[in-house]
PDB file of N, CA and C in Angstrom:
ATOM      1  N   MET A   1       0.836  -1.167   0.000  1.00  0.00           N
ATOM      2  CA  MET A   1       0.000   0.000   0.000  1.00  0.00           C
ATOM      3  C   MET A   1       0.888   1.238   0.000  1.00  0.00           C
ATOM      4  N   ALA A   2       0.555   2.190  -0.853  1.00  0.00           N
ATOM      5  CA  ALA A   2       1.376   3.390  -0.977  1.00  0.00           C
ATOM      6  C   ALA A   2       1.146   4.330   0.190  1.00  0.00           C
ATOM      7  N   LEU A   3       2.194   5.016   0.586  1.00  0.00           N
ATOM      8  CA  LEU A   3       2.122   6.005   1.655  1.00  0.00           C
ATOM      9  C   LEU A   3       2.489   7.363   1.084  1.00  0.00           C
ATOM     10  N   PRO A   4       1.907   8.446   1.635  1.00  0.00           N
ATOM     11  CA  PRO A   4       2.282   9.772   1.137  1.00  0.00           C
ATOM     12  C   PRO A   4       3.715  10.101   1.501  1.00  0.00           C
ATOM     13  N   LYS A   5       4.421  10.738   0.573  1.00  0.00           N
ATOM     14  CA  LYS A   5       5.819  11.065   0.803  1.00  0.00           C
ATOM     15  C   LYS A   5       5.969  12.294   1.684  1.00  0.00           C
ATOM     16  N   TYR A   6       4.996  13.248   1.567  1.00  0.00           N
ATOM     17  CA  TYR A   6       5.077  14.480   2.343  1.00  0.00           C
ATOM     18  C   TYR A   6       3.771  14.709   3.096  1.00  0.00           C
ATOM     19  N   LYS A   7       3.867  15.500   4.149  1.00  0.00           N
ATOM     20  CA  LYS A   7       2.682  15.850   4.932  1.00  0.00           C
ATOM     21  C   LYS A   7       1.814  16.821   4.124  1.00  0.00           C
ATOM     22  N   THR A   8       0.497  16.590   4.132  1.00  0.00           N
ATOM     23  CA  THR A   8      -0.430  17.501   3.464  1.00  0.00           C
ATOM     24  C   THR A   8      -0.649  18.718   4.348  1.00  0.00           C
ATOM     25  N   SER A   9      -0.498  19.903   3.770  1.00  0.00           N
ATOM     26  CA  SER A   9      -0.616  21.125   4.552  1.00  0.00           C
ATOM     27  C   SER A   9      -2.053  21.334   5.022  1.00  0.00           C
ATOM     28  N   ARG A  10      -2.215  22.191   6.035  1.00  0.00           N
ATOM     29  CA  ARG A  10      -3.548  22.488   6.550  1.00  0.00           C
ATOM     30  C   ARG A  10      -4.391  23.204   5.512  1.00  0.00           C
ATOM     31  N   ALA A  11      -3.765  24.068   4.715  1.00  0.00           N
ATOM     32  CA  ALA A  11      -4.516  24.796   3.692  1.00  0.00           C
ATOM     33  C   ALA A  11      -5.082  23.832   2.646  1.00  0.00           C
ATOM     34  N   ASN A  12      -4.277  22.871   2.223  1.00  0.00           N
ATOM     35  CA  ASN A  12      -4.763  21.899   1.246  1.00  0.00           C
ATOM     36  C   ASN A  12      -5.853  21.017   1.852  1.00  0.00           C
ATOM     37  N   THR A  13      -5.688  20.631   3.103  1.00  0.00           N
ATOM     38  CA  THR A  13      -6.678  19.792   3.769  1.00  0.00           C
ATOM     39  C   THR A  13      -7.988  20.546   3.935  1.00  0.00           C
ATOM     40  N   HIS A  14      -7.916  21.801   4.380  1.00  0.00           N
ATOM     41  CA  HIS A  14      -9.131  22.575   4.597  1.00  0.00           C
ATOM     42  C   HIS A  14      -9.823  22.918   3.285  1.00  0.00           C
ATOM     43  N   SER A  15      -9.053  23.214   2.254  1.00  0.00           N
ATOM     44  CA  SER A  15      -9.682  23.529   0.974  1.00  0.00           C
ATOM     45  C   SER A  15     -10.331  22.291   0.357  1.00  0.00           C
ATOM     46  N   ARG A  16      -9.778  21.127   0.596  1.00  0.00           N
ATOM     47  CA  ARG A  16     -10.384  19.896   0.101  1.00  0.00           C
ATOM     48  C   ARG A  16     -11.671  19.594   0.873  1.00  0.00           C
ATOM     49  N   ARG A  17     -11.667  19.803   2.184  1.00  0.00           N
ATOM     50  CA  ARG A  17     -12.839  19.506   3.003  1.00  0.00           C
ATOM     51  C   ARG A  17     -13.898  20.597   2.935  1.00  0.00           C
ATOM     52  N   ALA A  18     -13.592  21.738   2.334  1.00  0.00           N
ATOM     53  CA  ALA A  18     -14.555  22.835   2.268  1.00  0.00           C
ATOM     54  C   ALA A  18     -15.750  22.490   1.396  1.00  0.00           C
ATOM     55  N   ASN A  19     -15.612  21.509   0.509  1.00  0.00           N
ATOM     56  CA  ASN A  19     -16.707  21.131  -0.377  1.00  0.00           C
ATOM     57  C   ASN A  19     -17.670  20.145   0.264  1.00  0.00           C
ATOM     58  N   TRP A  20     -17.363  19.618   1.434  1.00  0.00           N
ATOM     59  CA  TRP A  20     -18.230  18.668   2.123  1.00  0.00           C
ATOM     60  C   TRP A  20     -19.207  19.448   2.990  1.00  0.00           C
ATOM     61  N   LYS A  21     -20.334  19.841   2.421  1.00  0.00           N
ATOM     62  CA  LYS A  21     -21.314  20.641   3.138  1.00  0.00           C
ATOM     63  C   LYS A  21     -22.624  19.859   3.262  1.00  0.00           C
ATOM     64  N   ALA A  22     -23.298  20.061   4.357  1.00  0.00           N
ATOM     65  CA  ALA A  22     -24.613  19.468   4.548  1.00  0.00           C
ATOM     66  C   ALA A  22     -25.668  20.409   3.984  1.00  0.00           C
ATOM     67  N   THR A  23     -26.695  19.848   3.383  1.00  0.00           N
ATOM     68  CA  THR A  23     -27.782  20.658   2.852  1.00  0.00           C
ATOM     69  C   THR A  23     -29.037  20.411   3.687  1.00  0.00           C
ATOM     70  N   ALA A  24     -29.833  21.440   3.856  1.00  0.00           N
ATOM     71  CA  ALA A  24     -31.073  21.327   4.618  1.00  0.00           C
ATOM     72  C   ALA A  24     -32.095  20.528   3.819  1.00  0.00           C
ATOM     73  N   ALA A  25     -32.920  19.779   4.530  1.00  0.00           N
ATOM     74  CA  ALA A  25     -33.949  18.978   3.880  1.00  0.00           C
ATOM     75  C   ALA A  25     -35.036  19.889   3.328  1.00  0.00           C
ATOM     76  N   GLN A  26     -35.506  19.609   2.120  1.00  0.00           N
ATOM     77  CA  GLN A  26     -36.569  20.383   1.511  1.00  0.00           C
ATOM     78  C   GLN A  26     -37.897  19.996   2.159  1.00  0.00           C
ATOM     79  N   THR A  27     -38.709  20.991   2.485  1.00  0.00           N
ATOM     80  CA  THR A  27     -40.006  20.731   3.109  1.00  0.00           C
ATOM     81  C   THR A  27     -41.117  21.310   2.249  1.00  0.00           C
ATOM     82  N   VAL A  28     -42.292  20.744   2.405  1.00  0.00           N
ATOM     83  CA  VAL A  28     -43.497  21.245   1.760  1.00  0.00           C
ATOM     84  C   VAL A  28     -44.522  21.502   2.852  1.00  0.00           C
ATOM     85  N   THR A  29     -45.549  22.296   2.555  1.00  0.00           N
ATOM     86  CA  THR A  29     -46.581  22.561   3.551  1.00  0.00           C
ATOM     87  C   THR A  29     -47.673  21.506   3.442  1.00  0.00           C
ATOM     88  N   CYS A  30     -48.177  21.102   4.583  1.00  0.00           N
ATOM     89  CA  CYS A  30     -49.251  20.109   4.637  1.00  0.00           C
ATOM     90  C   CYS A  30     -50.530  20.749   4.117  1.00  0.00           C
ATOM     91  N   ALA A  31     -51.258  20.042   3.260  1.00  0.00           N
ATOM     92  CA  ALA A  31     -52.501  20.567   2.711  1.00  0.00           C
ATOM     93  C   ALA A  31     -53.604  20.602   3.752  1.00  0.00           C
ATOM     94  N   ASN A  32     -53.493  19.770   4.793  1.00  0.00           N
ATOM     95  CA  ASN A  32     -54.543  19.688   5.808  1.00  0.00           C
ATOM     96  C   ASN A  32     -54.362  20.731   6.904  1.00  0.00           C
ATOM     97  N   CYS A  33     -53.132  20.836   7.460  1.00  0.00           N
ATOM     98  CA  CYS A  33     -52.929  21.729   8.608  1.00  0.00           C
ATOM     99  C   CYS A  33     -51.953  22.863   8.335  1.00  0.00           C
ATOM    100  N   GLY A  34     -51.178  22.800   7.249  1.00  0.00           N
ATOM    101  CA  GLY A  34     -50.252  23.873   6.909  1.00  0.00           C
ATOM    102  C   GLY A  34     -48.899  23.775   7.572  1.00  0.00           C
ATOM    103  N   ALA A  35     -48.625  22.701   8.291  1.00  0.00           N
ATOM    104  CA  ALA A  35     -47.335  22.529   8.954  1.00  0.00           C
ATOM    105  C   ALA A  35     -46.289  22.088   7.938  1.00  0.00           C
ATOM    106  N   PRO A  36     -45.012  22.429   8.139  1.00  0.00           N
ATOM    107  CA  PRO A  36     -43.976  21.960   7.215  1.00  0.00           C
ATOM    108  C   PRO A  36     -43.728  20.460   7.398  1.00  0.00           C
ATOM    109  N   THR A  37     -43.709  19.736   6.290  1.00  0.00           N
ATOM    110  CA  THR A  37     -43.488  18.289   6.317  1.00  0.00           C
ATOM    111  C   THR A  37     -42.480  17.914   5.241  1.00  0.00           C
ATOM    112  N   LEU A  38     -41.926  16.726   5.356  1.00  0.00           N
ATOM    113  CA  LEU A  38     -41.060  16.191   4.314  1.00  0.00           C
ATOM    114  C   LEU A  38     -41.919  15.706   3.158  1.00  0.00           C
ATOM    115  N   PRO A  39     -41.455  15.856   1.917  1.00  0.00           N
ATOM    116  CA  PRO A  39     -42.256  15.378   0.797  1.00  0.00           C
ATOM    117  C   PRO A  39     -42.360  13.858   0.785  1.00  0.00           C
ATOM    118  N   HIS A  40     -43.501  13.354   0.329  1.00  0.00           N
ATOM    119  CA  HIS A  40     -43.797  11.918   0.221  1.00  0.00           C
ATOM    120  C   HIS A  40     -43.851  11.239   1.586  1.00  0.00           C
ATOM    121  N   MET A  41     -44.115  11.997   2.647  1.00  0.00           N
ATOM    122  CA  MET A  41     -44.222  11.439   3.996  1.00  0.00           C
ATOM    123  C   MET A  41     -45.503  11.967   4.631  1.00  0.00           C
ATOM    124  N   ALA A  42     -46.036  11.231   5.594  1.00  0.00           N
ATOM    125  CA  ALA A  42     -47.215  11.694   6.324  1.00  0.00           C
ATOM    126  C   ALA A  42     -46.827  12.859   7.224  1.00  0.00           C
ATOM    127  N   CYS A  43     -47.753  13.760   7.449  1.00  0.00           N
ATOM    128  CA  CYS A  43     -47.501  14.949   8.262  1.00  0.00           C
ATOM    129  C   CYS A  43     -47.280  14.536   9.714  1.00  0.00           C
ATOM    130  N   PRO A  44     -46.220  15.004  10.371  1.00  0.00           N
ATOM    131  CA  PRO A  44     -45.995  14.604  11.751  1.00  0.00           C
ATOM    132  C   PRO A  44     -46.981  15.238  12.731  1.00  0.00           C
ATOM    133  N   SER A  45     -47.631  16.342  12.359  1.00  0.00           N
ATOM    134  CA  SER A  45     -48.534  16.983  13.309  1.00  0.00           C
ATOM    135  C   SER A  45     -49.968  16.468  13.200  1.00  0.00           C
ATOM    136  N   CYS A  46     -50.448  16.230  11.979  1.00  0.00           N
ATOM    137  CA  CYS A  46     -51.836  15.765  11.846  1.00  0.00           C
ATOM    138  C   CYS A  46     -51.940  14.335  11.323  1.00  0.00           C
ATOM    139  N   GLY A  47     -50.881  13.794  10.747  1.00  0.00           N
ATOM    140  CA  GLY A  47     -50.890  12.401  10.293  1.00  0.00           C
ATOM    141  C   GLY A  47     -51.546  12.182   8.943  1.00  0.00           C
ATOM    142  N   SER A  48     -51.783  13.222   8.176  1.00  0.00           N
ATOM    143  CA  SER A  48     -52.455  13.043   6.888  1.00  0.00           C
ATOM    144  C   SER A  48     -51.444  13.061   5.752  1.00  0.00           C
ATOM    145  N   PHE A  49     -51.797  12.350   4.671  1.00  0.00           N
ATOM    146  CA  PHE A  49     -50.981  12.324   3.458  1.00  0.00           C
ATOM    147  C   PHE A  49     -51.900  12.049   2.289  1.00  0.00           C
ATOM    148  N   ARG A  50     -51.912  12.944   1.317  1.00  0.00           N
ATOM    149  CA  ARG A  50     -52.748  12.848   0.134  1.00  0.00           C
ATOM    150  C   ARG A  50     -54.233  12.664   0.471  1.00  0.00           C
ATOM    151  N   GLY A  51     -54.708  13.421   1.445  1.00  0.00           N
ATOM    152  CA  GLY A  51     -56.122  13.396   1.789  1.00  0.00           C
ATOM    153  C   GLY A  51     -56.549  12.282   2.721  1.00  0.00           C
ATOM    154  N   ARG A  52     -55.669  11.386   3.098  1.00  0.00           N
ATOM    155  CA  ARG A  52     -56.004  10.302   4.013  1.00  0.00           C
ATOM    156  C   ARG A  52     -55.319  10.529   5.347  1.00  0.00           C
ATOM    157  N   THR A  53     -55.948  10.089   6.421  1.00  0.00           N
ATOM    158  CA  THR A  53     -55.352  10.179   7.747  1.00  0.00           C
ATOM    159  C   THR A  53     -54.787   8.811   8.091  1.00  0.00           C
ATOM    160  N   TYR A  54     -53.493   8.751   8.309  1.00  0.00           N
ATOM    161  CA  TYR A  54     -52.829   7.479   8.559  1.00  0.00           C
ATOM    162  C   TYR A  54     -52.621   7.204  10.036  1.00  0.00           C
ATOM    163  N   ARG A  55     -52.621   8.236  10.865  1.00  0.00           N
ATOM    164  CA  ARG A  55     -52.559   8.036  12.304  1.00  0.00           C
ATOM    165  C   ARG A  55     -53.120   9.281  12.956  1.00  0.00           C
ATOM    166  N   SER A  56     -53.632   9.117  14.159  1.00  0.00           N
ATOM    167  CA  SER A  56     -54.159  10.287  14.854  1.00  0.00           C
ATOM    168  C   SER A  56     -52.999  11.088  15.414  1.00  0.00           C
ATOM    169  N   ALA A  57     -53.174  12.381  15.521  1.00  0.00           N
ATOM    170  CA  ALA A  57     -52.113  13.239  16.042  1.00  0.00           C
ATOM    171  C   ALA A  57     -51.869  12.928  17.510  1.00  0.00           C
ATOM    172  N   ILE A  58     -50.601  12.824  17.877  1.00  0.00           N
ATOM    173  CA  ILE A  58     -50.231  12.497  19.247  1.00  0.00           C
ATOM    174  C   ILE A  58     -50.048  13.808  20.009  1.00  0.00           C
ATOM    175  N   GLN A  59     -50.824  13.989  21.051  1.00  0.00           N
ATOM    176  CA  GLN A  59     -50.721  15.175  21.885  1.00  0.00           C
ATOM    177  C   GLN A  59     -49.831  14.870  23.077  1.00  0.00           C
ATOM    178  N   PRO A  60     -48.943  15.799  23.478  1.00  0.00           N
ATOM    179  CA  PRO A  60     -48.129  15.559  24.659  1.00  0.00           C
ATOM    180  C   PRO A  60     -48.983  15.427  25.909  1.00  0.00           C
ATOM    181  N   ALA A  61     -48.563  14.590  26.838  1.00  0.00           N
ATOM    182  CA  ALA A  61     -49.346  14.306  28.037  1.00  0.00           C
ATOM    183  C   ALA A  61     -49.329  15.468  29.023  1.00  0.00           C
ATOM    184  N   HIS A  62     -48.275  16.314  28.986  1.00  0.00           N
ATOM    185  CA  HIS A  62     -48.158  17.359  29.991  1.00  0.00           C
ATOM    186  C   HIS A  62     -48.970  18.603  29.651  1.00  0.00           C
ATOM    187  N   THR A  63     -49.540  18.717  28.451  1.00  0.00           N
ATOM    188  CA  THR A  63     -50.365  19.886  28.124  1.00  0.00           C
ATOM    189  C   THR A  63     -51.808  19.610  28.477  1.00  0.00           C
ATOM    190  N   LYS A  64     -52.509  20.644  28.895  1.00  0.00           N
ATOM    191  CA  LYS A  64     -53.922  20.471  29.282  1.00  0.00           C
ATOM    192  C   LYS A  64     -54.830  21.262  28.399  1.00  0.00           C
TER     193      LYS A  64
END
């Protein structure tokens, strides 16, 4: 296995790693409640997707 002959400088290392960026997930608004949701997924707040309700919305126990 080949080994590098010289140490890679910090500038070269940082400039190479500068292209590794995370991108934010694209969201769409729910047609039922208007909350932001991931596309092709059921809404986490109301549980609807394409006009159908797949689960009832879960309310936290500590709210009254």
